[in-house]
Amino acid sequence: MKIAGVQMNVSLMAKEENLNRIIERMKETAAEGAALSVFPECAVTGYCFESLEEAIPYAETIPGPTTKRLQEICRKLNHSVVVGMLELAEQSVYNAAVLITPEGVLGSYRKVHLPFLGVDRFATPGDRAFEVHAHPEANIGLNICYDSAFPESSRAMTLQGADLIVLPTNWPSGAECVAEHAINIRAMENGIYYCAINRVGMERGFQFIGKSSICAPTGETLACASGTEEEVLYAMIDPAIARNKRVDRVPEKHVIDRLADRRPEMYGKIVEPHGLQPPNRS
């Protein structure tokens, strides 16, 4: 399966402009033979909203007008797409990612871990368990940006059979270590492909650092982007490799299986509730 990651600039509060640019890139990546294109976090809307009231007019339901329009393009191109947007559900706004195929919305995700930054200061935390979506060519899990700092989310989807985890992100200055190292580690420790697609450009004083990457189950970088330019990354992924968790480095003498070698009975402390107060939750 050939996948594409589109590192691009995004215009705040300019849905039509952003959608038109997304669609043009989809046409380009489909013409290059990619079955799936991945775009940044909040690629439809921009990210640095100053209040919930400012963000609400740019949020919409899933499915909704944006997903319908993207589905029509997916159908014409026989293509799939993951794109970041704001989801409106009742009176809540979620930072969301949606996986769309020619048949419609295959799955969506609401960002679980919210930093004190941009629209996440006002968004509602994701309320759904981590899921894996059965795309015709691979089992795909969705995370968004800050979720990559919490290895439990990737592991939960790996245990559900994910071959590929897709991470639309908006990494600003200060997130260089995550961009350059954490994505490789998430791929390696789970034996999966990992596609992290960031944006570039400046928005309300925040500089976004690019450095998008696609990583193999070994942790090897298959493709990576610069820190400043709009770029399209391509990589081939093979779900059969991601599904073979046993690595025989020296048969009968050095064998690694990071799923079979787990000791869940020793990890209880990880899931105990805590009393710490996040800075964006009063």
C-alpha atoms as a PDB file:
ATOM      1  CA  MET A   1       0.000   0.000   0.000  1.00  0.00           C
ATOM      2  CA  LYS A   2       1.448   3.365  -0.997  1.00  0.00           C
ATOM      3  CA  ILE A   3       0.630   6.200   1.394  1.00  0.00           C
ATOM      4  CA  ALA A   4       1.235   9.932   1.171  1.00  0.00           C
ATOM      5  CA  GLY A   5       1.698  12.567   3.863  1.00  0.00           C
ATOM      6  CA  VAL A   6       1.006  16.178   2.912  1.00  0.00           C
ATOM      7  CA  GLN A   7       2.952  18.707   4.995  1.00  0.00           C
ATOM      8  CA  MET A   8       1.310  22.048   4.247  1.00  0.00           C
ATOM      9  CA  ASN A   9       0.562  25.497   5.584  1.00  0.00           C
ATOM     10  CA  VAL A  10      -2.995  26.132   6.796  1.00  0.00           C
ATOM     11  CA  SER A  11      -4.985  29.374   6.942  1.00  0.00           C
ATOM     12  CA  LEU A  12      -6.883  30.112  10.147  1.00  0.00           C
ATOM     13  CA  MET A  13     -10.652  30.447   9.726  1.00  0.00           C
ATOM     14  CA  ALA A  14     -10.468  29.831   5.965  1.00  0.00           C
ATOM     15  CA  LYS A  15     -12.251  26.512   5.431  1.00  0.00           C
ATOM     16  CA  GLU A  16     -12.948  26.908   1.741  1.00  0.00           C
ATOM     17  CA  GLU A  17      -9.366  27.884   0.943  1.00  0.00           C
ATOM     18  CA  ASN A  18      -7.965  25.021   3.004  1.00  0.00           C
ATOM     19  CA  LEU A  19     -10.360  22.485   1.501  1.00  0.00           C
ATOM     20  CA  ASN A  20      -9.487  23.533  -2.024  1.00  0.00           C
ATOM     21  CA  ARG A  21      -5.794  23.063  -1.279  1.00  0.00           C
ATOM     22  CA  ILE A  22      -6.444  19.680   0.338  1.00  0.00           C
ATOM     23  CA  ILE A  23      -8.378  18.508  -2.706  1.00  0.00           C
ATOM     24  CA  GLU A  24      -5.633  19.641  -5.083  1.00  0.00           C
ATOM     25  CA  ARG A  25      -3.082  17.684  -3.094  1.00  0.00           C
ATOM     26  CA  MET A  26      -5.334  14.624  -3.066  1.00  0.00           C
ATOM     27  CA  LYS A  27      -5.450  14.738  -6.858  1.00  0.00           C
ATOM     28  CA  GLU A  28      -1.665  14.932  -6.924  1.00  0.00           C
ATOM     29  CA  THR A  29      -1.065  12.040  -4.509  1.00  0.00           C
ATOM     30  CA  ALA A  30      -3.694   9.832  -6.160  1.00  0.00           C
ATOM     31  CA  ALA A  31      -2.012  10.432  -9.517  1.00  0.00           C
ATOM     32  CA  GLU A  32       1.235   9.217  -7.910  1.00  0.00           C
ATOM     33  CA  GLY A  33      -0.451   5.945  -6.957  1.00  0.00           C
ATOM     34  CA  ALA A  34      -1.059   6.581  -3.271  1.00  0.00           C
ATOM     35  CA  ALA A  35      -4.081   4.807  -1.792  1.00  0.00           C
ATOM     36  CA  LEU A  36      -4.216   7.081   1.269  1.00  0.00           C
ATOM     37  CA  SER A  37      -3.303  10.731   1.868  1.00  0.00           C
ATOM     38  CA  VAL A  38      -2.763  12.169   5.345  1.00  0.00           C
ATOM     39  CA  PHE A  39      -3.083  15.879   6.203  1.00  0.00           C
ATOM     40  CA  PRO A  40      -2.221  17.854   9.373  1.00  0.00           C
ATOM     41  CA  GLU A  41      -4.255  18.432  12.503  1.00  0.00           C
ATOM     42  CA  CYS A  42      -7.005  21.044  11.993  1.00  0.00           C
ATOM     43  CA  ALA A  43      -6.043  21.233   8.322  1.00  0.00           C
ATOM     44  CA  VAL A  44      -9.583  22.324   7.443  1.00  0.00           C
ATOM     45  CA  THR A  45      -9.895  25.133  10.003  1.00  0.00           C
ATOM     46  CA  GLY A  46      -6.572  26.233  11.438  1.00  0.00           C
ATOM     47  CA  TYR A  47      -5.659  25.738  15.095  1.00  0.00           C
ATOM     48  CA  CYS A  48      -4.926  28.908  17.092  1.00  0.00           C
ATOM     49  CA  PHE A  49      -8.425  29.979  18.045  1.00  0.00           C
ATOM     50  CA  GLU A  50      -8.675  32.356  21.003  1.00  0.00           C
ATOM     51  CA  SER A  51     -11.997  31.164  22.413  1.00  0.00           C
ATOM     52  CA  LEU A  52     -14.645  28.492  22.068  1.00  0.00           C
ATOM     53  CA  GLU A  53     -16.994  31.127  20.661  1.00  0.00           C
ATOM     54  CA  GLU A  54     -14.496  31.927  17.922  1.00  0.00           C
ATOM     55  CA  ALA A  55     -14.051  28.242  17.027  1.00  0.00           C
ATOM     56  CA  ILE A  56     -17.692  27.101  16.997  1.00  0.00           C
ATOM     57  CA  PRO A  57     -18.607  28.628  13.593  1.00  0.00           C
ATOM     58  CA  TYR A  58     -15.847  26.543  11.972  1.00  0.00           C
ATOM     59  CA  ALA A  59     -16.803  23.233  13.608  1.00  0.00           C
ATOM     60  CA  GLU A  60     -19.276  20.839  12.007  1.00  0.00           C
ATOM     61  CA  THR A  61     -20.759  17.417  12.386  1.00  0.00           C
ATOM     62  CA  ILE A  62     -19.143  14.170  11.222  1.00  0.00           C
ATOM     63  CA  PRO A  63     -20.530  13.174   8.746  1.00  0.00           C
ATOM     64  CA  GLY A  64     -21.227  16.668   7.489  1.00  0.00           C
ATOM     65  CA  PRO A  65     -20.595  19.052   4.593  1.00  0.00           C
ATOM     66  CA  THR A  66     -16.804  18.756   4.658  1.00  0.00           C
ATOM     67  CA  THR A  67     -16.738  14.967   4.888  1.00  0.00           C
ATOM     68  CA  LYS A  68     -19.373  14.734   2.126  1.00  0.00           C
ATOM     69  CA  ARG A  69     -17.284  16.900  -0.168  1.00  0.00           C
ATOM     70  CA  LEU A  70     -14.128  14.906   0.548  1.00  0.00           C
ATOM     71  CA  GLN A  71     -15.988  11.630   0.015  1.00  0.00           C
ATOM     72  CA  GLU A  72     -17.011  12.788  -3.456  1.00  0.00           C
ATOM     73  CA  ILE A  73     -13.348  13.445  -4.284  1.00  0.00           C
ATOM     74  CA  CYS A  74     -12.321  10.104  -2.806  1.00  0.00           C
ATOM     75  CA  ARG A  75     -14.921   8.382  -4.999  1.00  0.00           C
ATOM     76  CA  LYS A  76     -13.711  10.125  -8.147  1.00  0.00           C
ATOM     77  CA  LEU A  77     -10.068   9.329  -7.376  1.00  0.00           C
ATOM     78  CA  ASN A  78     -10.599   5.873  -5.812  1.00  0.00           C
ATOM     79  CA  HIS A  79      -8.629   7.249  -2.911  1.00  0.00           C
ATOM     80  CA  SER A  80      -8.804   7.608   0.885  1.00  0.00           C
ATOM     81  CA  VAL A  81      -7.881  10.517   3.127  1.00  0.00           C
ATOM     82  CA  VAL A  82      -7.231  11.353   6.782  1.00  0.00           C
ATOM     83  CA  VAL A  83      -7.756  15.015   7.607  1.00  0.00           C
ATOM     84  CA  GLY A  84      -7.911  17.076  10.790  1.00  0.00           C
ATOM     85  CA  MET A  85     -10.967  19.246  11.511  1.00  0.00           C
ATOM     86  CA  LEU A  86     -13.155  20.537  14.338  1.00  0.00           C
ATOM     87  CA  GLU A  87     -16.188  18.406  15.157  1.00  0.00           C
ATOM     88  CA  LEU A  88     -19.380  19.885  16.553  1.00  0.00           C
ATOM     89  CA  ALA A  89     -21.466  17.505  18.641  1.00  0.00           C
ATOM     90  CA  GLU A  90     -24.345  19.025  20.610  1.00  0.00           C
ATOM     91  CA  GLN A  91     -22.675  21.949  22.417  1.00  0.00           C
ATOM     92  CA  SER A  92     -19.170  20.475  22.410  1.00  0.00           C
ATOM     93  CA  VAL A  93     -16.290  21.098  20.028  1.00  0.00           C
ATOM     94  CA  TYR A  94     -13.770  18.281  19.553  1.00  0.00           C
ATOM     95  CA  ASN A  95     -10.374  18.382  17.884  1.00  0.00           C
ATOM     96  CA  ALA A  96     -11.001  15.537  15.453  1.00  0.00           C
ATOM     97  CA  ALA A  97      -9.480  13.476  12.684  1.00  0.00           C
ATOM     98  CA  VAL A  98     -11.585  11.647  10.121  1.00  0.00           C
ATOM     99  CA  LEU A  99     -10.781   8.722   7.821  1.00  0.00           C
ATOM    100  CA  ILE A 100     -12.769   8.929   4.590  1.00  0.00           C
ATOM    101  CA  THR A 101     -12.909   6.359   1.773  1.00  0.00           C
ATOM    102  CA  PRO A 102     -14.859   6.307  -1.508  1.00  0.00           C
ATOM    103  CA  GLU A 103     -17.712   4.743   0.479  1.00  0.00           C
ATOM    104  CA  GLY A 104     -17.842   7.487   3.120  1.00  0.00           C
ATOM    105  CA  VAL A 105     -16.589   8.036   6.669  1.00  0.00           C
ATOM    106  CA  LEU A 106     -14.837   4.854   7.753  1.00  0.00           C
ATOM    107  CA  GLY A 107     -13.955   6.224  11.169  1.00  0.00           C
ATOM    108  CA  SER A 108     -13.274   9.335  13.198  1.00  0.00           C
ATOM    109  CA  TYR A 109     -11.321  10.180  16.321  1.00  0.00           C
ATOM    110  CA  ARG A 110     -11.612  12.845  19.006  1.00  0.00           C
ATOM    111  CA  LYS A 111      -8.302  13.975  20.503  1.00  0.00           C
ATOM    112  CA  VAL A 112      -7.991  12.466  23.983  1.00  0.00           C
ATOM    113  CA  HIS A 113      -4.946  14.263  25.389  1.00  0.00           C
ATOM    114  CA  LEU A 114      -5.302  18.053  25.200  1.00  0.00           C
ATOM    115  CA  PRO A 115      -2.355  20.406  25.730  1.00  0.00           C
ATOM    116  CA  PHE A 116      -2.831  23.991  26.878  1.00  0.00           C
ATOM    117  CA  LEU A 117      -2.414  25.359  23.372  1.00  0.00           C
ATOM    118  CA  GLY A 118      -4.584  26.694  20.553  1.00  0.00           C
ATOM    119  CA  VAL A 119      -8.114  25.382  20.243  1.00  0.00           C
ATOM    120  CA  ASP A 120      -7.289  22.562  22.666  1.00  0.00           C
ATOM    121  CA  ARG A 121      -7.594  25.089  25.512  1.00  0.00           C
ATOM    122  CA  PHE A 122     -11.338  25.177  24.818  1.00  0.00           C
ATOM    123  CA  ALA A 123     -12.104  21.826  23.164  1.00  0.00           C
ATOM    124  CA  THR A 124     -13.814  18.954  24.955  1.00  0.00           C
ATOM    125  CA  PRO A 125     -11.494  15.989  25.626  1.00  0.00           C
ATOM    126  CA  GLY A 126     -12.152  12.933  23.469  1.00  0.00           C
ATOM    127  CA  ASP A 127     -14.688  10.567  25.009  1.00  0.00           C
ATOM    128  CA  ARG A 128     -14.249   7.415  22.910  1.00  0.00           C
ATOM    129  CA  ALA A 129     -11.972   4.432  23.355  1.00  0.00           C
ATOM    130  CA  PHE A 130      -9.099   4.076  20.898  1.00  0.00           C
ATOM    131  CA  GLU A 131     -10.285   2.234  17.787  1.00  0.00           C
ATOM    132  CA  VAL A 132      -8.828   0.530  14.722  1.00  0.00           C
ATOM    133  CA  HIS A 133     -10.567   0.892  11.360  1.00  0.00           C
ATOM    134  CA  ALA A 134     -10.521  -1.871   8.751  1.00  0.00           C
ATOM    135  CA  HIS A 135      -9.516  -0.109   5.559  1.00  0.00           C
ATOM    136  CA  PRO A 136      -9.469  -2.472   2.538  1.00  0.00           C
ATOM    137  CA  GLU A 137      -5.651  -2.329   2.444  1.00  0.00           C
ATOM    138  CA  ALA A 138      -4.628  -1.975   6.107  1.00  0.00           C
ATOM    139  CA  ASN A 139      -5.953  -1.705   9.650  1.00  0.00           C
ATOM    140  CA  ILE A 140      -5.638   1.973  10.578  1.00  0.00           C
ATOM    141  CA  GLY A 141      -5.628   3.666  13.974  1.00  0.00           C
ATOM    142  CA  LEU A 142      -5.988   7.418  14.508  1.00  0.00           C
ATOM    143  CA  ASN A 143      -4.318   9.720  17.032  1.00  0.00           C
ATOM    144  CA  ILE A 144      -3.736  13.480  17.020  1.00  0.00           C
ATOM    145  CA  CYS A 145      -0.572  15.427  17.924  1.00  0.00           C
ATOM    146  CA  TYR A 146      -0.104  15.366  21.738  1.00  0.00           C
ATOM    147  CA  ASP A 147      -1.479  11.795  21.856  1.00  0.00           C
ATOM    148  CA  SER A 148       1.915  10.646  20.555  1.00  0.00           C
ATOM    149  CA  ALA A 149       3.410  11.590  23.941  1.00  0.00           C
ATOM    150  CA  PHE A 150       1.248   8.944  25.623  1.00  0.00           C
ATOM    151  CA  PRO A 151       2.470   5.486  24.518  1.00  0.00           C
ATOM    152  CA  GLU A 152      -0.606   3.812  25.974  1.00  0.00           C
ATOM    153  CA  SER A 153      -2.728   5.082  23.081  1.00  0.00           C
ATOM    154  CA  SER A 154      -0.541   3.503  20.391  1.00  0.00           C
ATOM    155  CA  ARG A 155      -0.253   0.276  22.367  1.00  0.00           C
ATOM    156  CA  ALA A 156      -4.030   0.045  22.789  1.00  0.00           C
ATOM    157  CA  MET A 157      -4.510   0.256  19.021  1.00  0.00           C
ATOM    158  CA  THR A 158      -1.656  -2.169  18.348  1.00  0.00           C
ATOM    159  CA  LEU A 159      -3.389  -4.698  20.590  1.00  0.00           C
ATOM    160  CA  GLN A 160      -6.509  -4.256  18.437  1.00  0.00           C
ATOM    161  CA  GLY A 161      -4.570  -5.142  15.295  1.00  0.00           C
ATOM    162  CA  ALA A 162      -3.438  -1.781  13.916  1.00  0.00           C
ATOM    163  CA  ASP A 163      -0.972  -2.032  11.022  1.00  0.00           C
ATOM    164  CA  LEU A 164      -0.643   1.743  10.676  1.00  0.00           C
ATOM    165  CA  ILE A 165      -1.193   4.599  13.092  1.00  0.00           C
ATOM    166  CA  VAL A 166      -1.850   7.981  11.529  1.00  0.00           C
ATOM    167  CA  LEU A 167      -1.098  11.157  13.491  1.00  0.00           C
ATOM    168  CA  PRO A 168      -2.255  14.490  12.067  1.00  0.00           C
ATOM    169  CA  THR A 169      -0.335  17.034  14.150  1.00  0.00           C
ATOM    170  CA  ASN A 170       0.400  20.714  14.739  1.00  0.00           C
ATOM    171  CA  TRP A 171       3.825  20.606  16.403  1.00  0.00           C
ATOM    172  CA  PRO A 172       5.065  24.121  17.231  1.00  0.00           C
ATOM    173  CA  SER A 173       8.541  25.217  18.237  1.00  0.00           C
ATOM    174  CA  GLY A 174       9.595  23.203  21.293  1.00  0.00           C
ATOM    175  CA  ALA A 175       8.330  19.884  19.918  1.00  0.00           C
ATOM    176  CA  GLU A 176      11.472  19.059  17.923  1.00  0.00           C
ATOM    177  CA  CYS A 177      12.395  16.069  20.077  1.00  0.00           C
ATOM    178  CA  VAL A 178       8.969  14.500  19.578  1.00  0.00           C
ATOM    179  CA  ALA A 179       9.121  15.021  15.824  1.00  0.00           C
ATOM    180  CA  GLU A 180      12.668  13.687  15.501  1.00  0.00           C
ATOM    181  CA  HIS A 181      12.548  10.736  17.911  1.00  0.00           C
ATOM    182  CA  ALA A 182       9.171   9.833  19.443  1.00  0.00           C
ATOM    183  CA  ILE A 183       7.522   8.741  16.193  1.00  0.00           C
ATOM    184  CA  ASN A 184      10.293   6.248  15.462  1.00  0.00           C
ATOM    185  CA  ILE A 185       9.964   4.878  19.002  1.00  0.00           C
ATOM    186  CA  ARG A 186       6.170   4.499  18.770  1.00  0.00           C
ATOM    187  CA  ALA A 187       6.646   2.548  15.524  1.00  0.00           C
ATOM    188  CA  MET A 188       9.443   0.343  16.878  1.00  0.00           C
ATOM    189  CA  GLU A 189       7.975  -0.472  20.282  1.00  0.00           C
ATOM    190  CA  ASN A 190       4.695  -1.593  18.688  1.00  0.00           C
ATOM    191  CA  GLY A 191       6.027  -3.116  15.473  1.00  0.00           C
ATOM    192  CA  ILE A 192       3.733  -0.940  13.329  1.00  0.00           C
ATOM    193  CA  TYR A 193       3.945   1.715  10.629  1.00  0.00           C
ATOM    194  CA  TYR A 194       3.512   5.247  11.937  1.00  0.00           C
ATOM    195  CA  CYS A 195       2.673   8.291   9.794  1.00  0.00           C
ATOM    196  CA  ALA A 196       2.963  11.675  11.551  1.00  0.00           C
ATOM    197  CA  ILE A 197       2.080  14.670   9.372  1.00  0.00           C
ATOM    198  CA  ASN A 198       2.712  18.169  10.689  1.00  0.00           C
ATOM    199  CA  ARG A 199       2.076  21.612   9.242  1.00  0.00           C
ATOM    200  CA  VAL A 200       4.416  24.521   8.534  1.00  0.00           C
ATOM    201  CA  GLY A 201       3.957  28.268   8.695  1.00  0.00           C
ATOM    202  CA  MET A 202       3.118  30.850  11.349  1.00  0.00           C
ATOM    203  CA  GLU A 203      -0.258  31.263  13.019  1.00  0.00           C
ATOM    204  CA  ARG A 204      -0.974  33.933  15.652  1.00  0.00           C
ATOM    205  CA  GLY A 205       2.626  33.961  16.816  1.00  0.00           C
ATOM    206  CA  PHE A 206       3.185  30.199  16.794  1.00  0.00           C
ATOM    207  CA  GLN A 207       5.736  28.768  14.381  1.00  0.00           C
ATOM    208  CA  PHE A 208       5.001  25.224  13.241  1.00  0.00           C
ATOM    209  CA  ILE A 209       8.057  23.068  12.685  1.00  0.00           C
ATOM    210  CA  GLY A 210       7.212  20.579   9.935  1.00  0.00           C
ATOM    211  CA  LYS A 211       9.478  17.515  10.252  1.00  0.00           C
ATOM    212  CA  SER A 212       6.689  15.129   9.204  1.00  0.00           C
ATOM    213  CA  SER A 213       7.733  11.492   8.934  1.00  0.00           C
ATOM    214  CA  ILE A 214       6.640   7.984   8.041  1.00  0.00           C
ATOM    215  CA  CYS A 215       8.313   5.203  10.018  1.00  0.00           C
ATOM    216  CA  ALA A 216       8.577   1.430   9.602  1.00  0.00           C
ATOM    217  CA  PRO A 217       7.885  -1.251  12.233  1.00  0.00           C
ATOM    218  CA  THR A 218      11.636  -1.426  12.867  1.00  0.00           C
ATOM    219  CA  GLY A 219      11.690   2.261  13.790  1.00  0.00           C
ATOM    220  CA  GLU A 220      13.464   3.130  10.560  1.00  0.00           C
ATOM    221  CA  THR A 221      12.477   6.421   8.922  1.00  0.00           C
ATOM    222  CA  LEU A 222      10.981   5.704   5.501  1.00  0.00           C
ATOM    223  CA  ALA A 223      10.391   9.349   4.576  1.00  0.00           C
ATOM    224  CA  CYS A 224      10.837  12.687   6.304  1.00  0.00           C
ATOM    225  CA  ALA A 225      10.242  16.350   5.538  1.00  0.00           C
ATOM    226  CA  SER A 226      12.074  19.589   6.261  1.00  0.00           C
ATOM    227  CA  GLY A 227      11.177  21.942   9.065  1.00  0.00           C
ATOM    228  CA  THR A 228       9.983  24.818   6.892  1.00  0.00           C
ATOM    229  CA  GLU A 229       8.684  23.793   3.472  1.00  0.00           C
ATOM    230  CA  GLU A 230       5.443  22.376   2.145  1.00  0.00           C
ATOM    231  CA  GLU A 231       6.254  18.831   1.005  1.00  0.00           C
ATOM    232  CA  VAL A 232       4.601  15.530   0.118  1.00  0.00           C
ATOM    233  CA  LEU A 233       6.040  12.341   1.574  1.00  0.00           C
ATOM    234  CA  TYR A 234       5.499   8.903   0.055  1.00  0.00           C
ATOM    235  CA  ALA A 235       6.172   5.451   1.458  1.00  0.00           C
ATOM    236  CA  MET A 236       5.200   1.848   0.791  1.00  0.00           C
ATOM    237  CA  ILE A 237       3.790  -0.079   3.736  1.00  0.00           C
ATOM    238  CA  ASP A 238       3.240  -3.834   3.998  1.00  0.00           C
ATOM    239  CA  PRO A 239       0.647  -4.862   6.606  1.00  0.00           C
ATOM    240  CA  ALA A 240       2.068  -8.406   6.653  1.00  0.00           C
ATOM    241  CA  ILE A 241       5.284  -7.031   8.130  1.00  0.00           C
ATOM    242  CA  ALA A 242       3.404  -5.133  10.845  1.00  0.00           C
ATOM    243  CA  ARG A 243       1.437  -8.261  11.743  1.00  0.00           C
ATOM    244  CA  ASN A 244       4.530 -10.390  12.288  1.00  0.00           C
ATOM    245  CA  LYS A 245       5.561  -9.321  15.787  1.00  0.00           C
ATOM    246  CA  ARG A 246       8.155 -12.053  16.277  1.00  0.00           C
ATOM    247  CA  VAL A 247      11.645 -11.011  15.198  1.00  0.00           C
ATOM    248  CA  ASP A 248      14.182 -13.846  14.991  1.00  0.00           C
ATOM    249  CA  ARG A 249      17.478 -11.978  15.042  1.00  0.00           C
ATOM    250  CA  VAL A 250      19.428 -15.143  15.835  1.00  0.00           C
ATOM    251  CA  PRO A 251      17.096 -18.170  15.596  1.00  0.00           C
ATOM    252  CA  GLU A 252      16.696 -19.888  18.970  1.00  0.00           C
ATOM    253  CA  LYS A 253      19.219 -17.482  20.542  1.00  0.00           C
ATOM    254  CA  HIS A 254      17.873 -13.931  20.090  1.00  0.00           C
ATOM    255  CA  VAL A 255      14.130 -13.587  19.540  1.00  0.00           C
ATOM    256  CA  ILE A 256      12.094 -10.412  20.164  1.00  0.00           C
ATOM    257  CA  ASP A 257       8.289 -10.230  20.447  1.00  0.00           C
ATOM    258  CA  ARG A 258       7.220  -7.022  22.152  1.00  0.00           C
ATOM    259  CA  LEU A 259       3.588  -8.099  22.401  1.00  0.00           C
ATOM    260  CA  ALA A 260       4.110 -11.644  23.637  1.00  0.00           C
ATOM    261  CA  ASP A 261       6.801 -10.522  26.103  1.00  0.00           C
ATOM    262  CA  ARG A 262       4.511  -8.013  27.852  1.00  0.00           C
ATOM    263  CA  ARG A 263       3.709  -8.450  31.570  1.00  0.00           C
ATOM    264  CA  PRO A 264       0.323  -6.716  31.984  1.00  0.00           C
ATOM    265  CA  GLU A 265      -0.009  -7.936  35.568  1.00  0.00           C
ATOM    266  CA  MET A 266       2.922  -5.643  36.446  1.00  0.00           C
ATOM    267  CA  TYR A 267       1.475  -2.467  34.937  1.00  0.00           C
ATOM    268  CA  GLY A 268      -1.465  -1.703  37.233  1.00  0.00           C
ATOM    269  CA  LYS A 269      -0.055   1.628  38.387  1.00  0.00           C
ATOM    270  CA  ILE A 270      -0.321   3.016  34.858  1.00  0.00           C
ATOM    271  CA  VAL A 271      -4.121   2.942  34.837  1.00  0.00           C
ATOM    272  CA  GLU A 272      -4.778   4.111  38.382  1.00  0.00           C
ATOM    273  CA  PRO A 273      -6.695   7.425  38.466  1.00  0.00           C
ATOM    274  CA  HIS A 274      -4.671  10.457  39.546  1.00  0.00           C
ATOM    275  CA  GLY A 275      -5.534  13.733  41.225  1.00  0.00           C
ATOM    276  CA  LEU A 276      -3.330  15.987  39.098  1.00  0.00           C
ATOM    277  CA  GLN A 277      -5.071  18.964  37.511  1.00  0.00           C
ATOM    278  CA  PRO A 278      -4.257  19.725  33.859  1.00  0.00           C
ATOM    279  CA  PRO A 279      -3.631  23.454  33.244  1.00  0.00           C
ATOM    280  CA  ASN A 280      -6.560  23.711  30.818  1.00  0.00           C
ATOM    281  CA  ARG A 281      -9.169  22.191  33.145  1.00  0.00           C
ATOM    282  CA  SER A 282     -10.389  24.234  36.096  1.00  0.00           C
END
